[in-house]
Structures are given as C-alpha cells and as structure tokens.
Amino acid sequence: MPKTEQKHFAGTVQELKNKGRLVATVNGMEIGIFLVNGAYYAWRNICPHGGAPVCEGVVCGTRLPSLVYEYRYGRDREIVRCPWHGWEFDLLTGRHLADESVRLRGYRVEETDGELYVFV
C-alpha cells in the first residue's frame, strides 16, 4: 500500500524572503525551502556526498559551458553550493551539476495565504 503525503507547516513567505531561504524542521527532518524564479523548491538539508547541511550553503550561479579561456557566468540564484566541499546542486531539479546521478531529495511545497507547507 503506497504511503500518502502529509502536509506540514514550515514557515512563512516573509521569513523566507527575509533570510533568502527557509530551513525548517518538518516531520523530524531539516528541509530547506527556496524561492527561485517565482517558484518554491524544497530539498532535504543533507548533502549526499558527506552529510553536510547543504541548504545552508551559498546560493549563487555557476560557470556555463564555454570555449577554452572563456568563462561565462549564468544561472544566478539557481545553484546552491555545499558549505563543506563545494558540491553544486541545481535548485530547480536537485541534481548535482557534474554528476546527474547524484541529487538532493526533494519535496513538494505549497503556499497558502503567506504560509509555506511541505508535503512529506
């Protein structure tokens, strides 16, 4: 029998905007919520590489594919960099930028009247 998702209050939109992200304990797990390009994304706050609190890392962009000696920056505010070892993850998909088989565990987020809910 498949498990059903349960809706959990995580915080407010204002808290997320004030901090640039919201890291909340939901159902005993730390989950980071980000607002990227007008949409909410929630990821478990554990880096699959070394267990670091990945959602507390720098939110930035990354170097885009380019010619030799040409460095193009892009995807600003769409990447989170793990604070321990610098692994970069796409905030839209949860995938590691260099190895797409590695990814963060994601959760559905819903906003209702300024409150954020995560489905676990």
Protein backbone atom coordinates (compact mmCIF):
# COMPACT_ATOMS: atom_id res chain seq x y z
CA MET A 1 0.00 0.00 0.00
CA PRO A 2 1.58 3.35 -1.04
CA LYS A 3 2.18 5.97 1.60
CA THR A 4 0.31 9.25 1.31
CA GLU A 5 1.93 12.64 1.66
CA GLN A 6 1.16 14.69 4.74
CA LYS A 7 1.06 18.47 4.74
CA HIS A 8 3.33 20.18 7.30
CA PHE A 9 3.64 23.88 8.15
CA ALA A 10 7.23 25.04 7.50
CA GLY A 11 7.14 28.81 7.94
CA THR A 12 6.02 31.97 6.23
CA VAL A 13 6.81 33.54 2.89
CA GLN A 14 8.04 36.61 4.77
CA GLU A 15 10.56 34.52 6.75
CA LEU A 16 11.86 33.04 3.51
CA LYS A 17 12.18 36.47 1.89
CA ASN A 18 13.93 37.92 4.95
CA LYS A 19 16.54 35.14 5.08
CA GLY A 20 16.79 34.30 1.37
CA ARG A 21 15.83 30.71 2.23
CA LEU A 22 13.93 28.92 4.96
CA VAL A 23 15.39 25.90 6.76
CA ALA A 24 12.69 24.25 8.83
CA THR A 25 12.31 21.02 10.77
CA VAL A 26 9.46 19.10 9.20
CA ASN A 27 8.43 15.68 10.45
CA GLY A 28 11.82 15.33 12.20
CA MET A 29 13.86 16.32 9.11
CA GLU A 30 15.56 19.59 8.19
CA ILE A 31 14.25 20.83 4.86
CA GLY A 32 15.41 23.93 3.01
CA ILE A 33 12.88 25.94 1.02
CA PHE A 34 13.99 28.32 -1.74
CA LEU A 35 12.15 30.77 -3.97
CA VAL A 36 13.68 30.57 -7.45
CA ASN A 37 12.25 32.45 -10.42
CA GLY A 38 8.87 32.76 -8.71
CA ALA A 39 8.50 29.07 -7.74
CA TYR A 40 9.15 27.28 -4.44
CA TYR A 41 11.53 24.34 -4.14
CA ALA A 42 12.17 22.22 -1.03
CA TRP A 43 15.20 19.99 -0.51
CA ARG A 44 16.33 17.79 2.37
CA ASN A 45 19.15 19.57 4.18
CA ILE A 46 21.66 16.74 3.74
CA CYS A 47 24.36 16.67 1.07
CA PRO A 48 24.55 13.17 -0.46
CA HIS A 49 28.36 13.45 -0.54
CA GLY A 50 29.23 13.96 3.12
CA GLY A 51 26.06 14.69 5.06
CA ALA A 52 26.65 18.46 5.24
CA PRO A 53 23.78 20.92 5.74
CA VAL A 54 23.65 21.67 2.00
CA CYS A 55 20.72 24.10 2.21
CA GLU A 56 22.84 26.44 4.32
CA GLY A 57 25.39 26.84 1.53
CA VAL A 58 25.86 29.82 -0.76
CA VAL A 59 23.10 30.39 -3.30
CA CYS A 60 24.79 31.52 -6.49
CA GLY A 61 25.20 30.86 -10.19
CA THR A 62 27.85 28.82 -11.94
CA ARG A 63 30.20 28.78 -14.89
CA LEU A 64 28.43 27.84 -18.10
CA PRO A 65 29.92 25.66 -20.83
CA SER A 66 32.22 27.86 -22.88
CA LEU A 67 35.33 27.91 -25.02
CA VAL A 68 38.83 27.49 -23.59
CA TYR A 69 39.88 30.59 -21.59
CA GLU A 70 36.35 31.95 -21.85
CA TYR A 71 34.44 32.00 -18.56
CA ARG A 72 30.73 32.63 -18.78
CA TYR A 73 28.71 33.02 -15.58
CA GLY A 74 24.99 32.22 -15.54
CA ARG A 75 22.03 30.69 -13.73
CA ASP A 76 22.36 33.28 -10.97
CA ARG A 77 20.47 32.33 -7.77
CA GLU A 78 19.65 28.86 -9.20
CA ILE A 79 22.54 26.93 -7.64
CA VAL A 80 23.31 26.00 -4.03
CA ARG A 81 26.92 25.21 -3.14
CA CYS A 82 27.52 22.76 -0.27
CA PRO A 83 29.31 24.56 2.58
CA TRP A 84 31.69 21.67 3.30
CA HIS A 85 33.14 20.53 -0.03
CA GLY A 86 31.69 22.91 -2.62
CA TRP A 87 29.47 20.44 -4.46
CA GLU A 88 26.97 22.40 -6.56
CA PHE A 89 23.32 21.45 -6.92
CA ASP A 90 20.64 22.81 -9.23
CA LEU A 91 17.88 24.31 -7.06
CA LEU A 92 15.31 23.62 -9.81
CA THR A 93 15.99 19.88 -10.13
CA GLY A 94 18.15 18.92 -7.12
CA ARG A 95 20.73 17.39 -9.46
CA HIS A 96 24.47 17.71 -8.91
CA LEU A 97 25.94 19.85 -11.70
CA ALA A 98 28.76 17.45 -12.61
CA ASP A 99 27.15 14.06 -11.92
CA GLU A 100 23.44 13.91 -12.74
CA SER A 101 23.08 10.56 -10.96
CA VAL A 102 23.59 12.41 -7.64
CA ARG A 103 20.72 14.52 -6.42
CA LEU A 104 19.09 16.08 -3.39
CA ARG A 105 15.86 14.65 -2.01
CA GLY A 106 13.02 16.98 -2.96
CA TYR A 107 9.58 17.72 -1.56
CA ARG A 108 6.50 19.48 -2.85
CA VAL A 109 5.82 22.96 -1.44
CA GLU A 110 2.54 24.83 -1.30
CA GLU A 111 1.93 28.46 -0.36
CA THR A 112 -1.41 29.39 1.20
CA ASP A 113 -2.14 32.90 2.48
CA GLY A 114 1.55 33.65 3.07
CA GLU A 115 2.28 30.34 4.80
CA LEU A 116 4.51 27.60 3.37
CA TYR A 117 3.64 23.92 3.65
CA VAL A 118 5.82 20.96 2.72
CA PHE A 119 4.38 17.59 1.75
CA VAL A 120 6.28 14.64 3.23
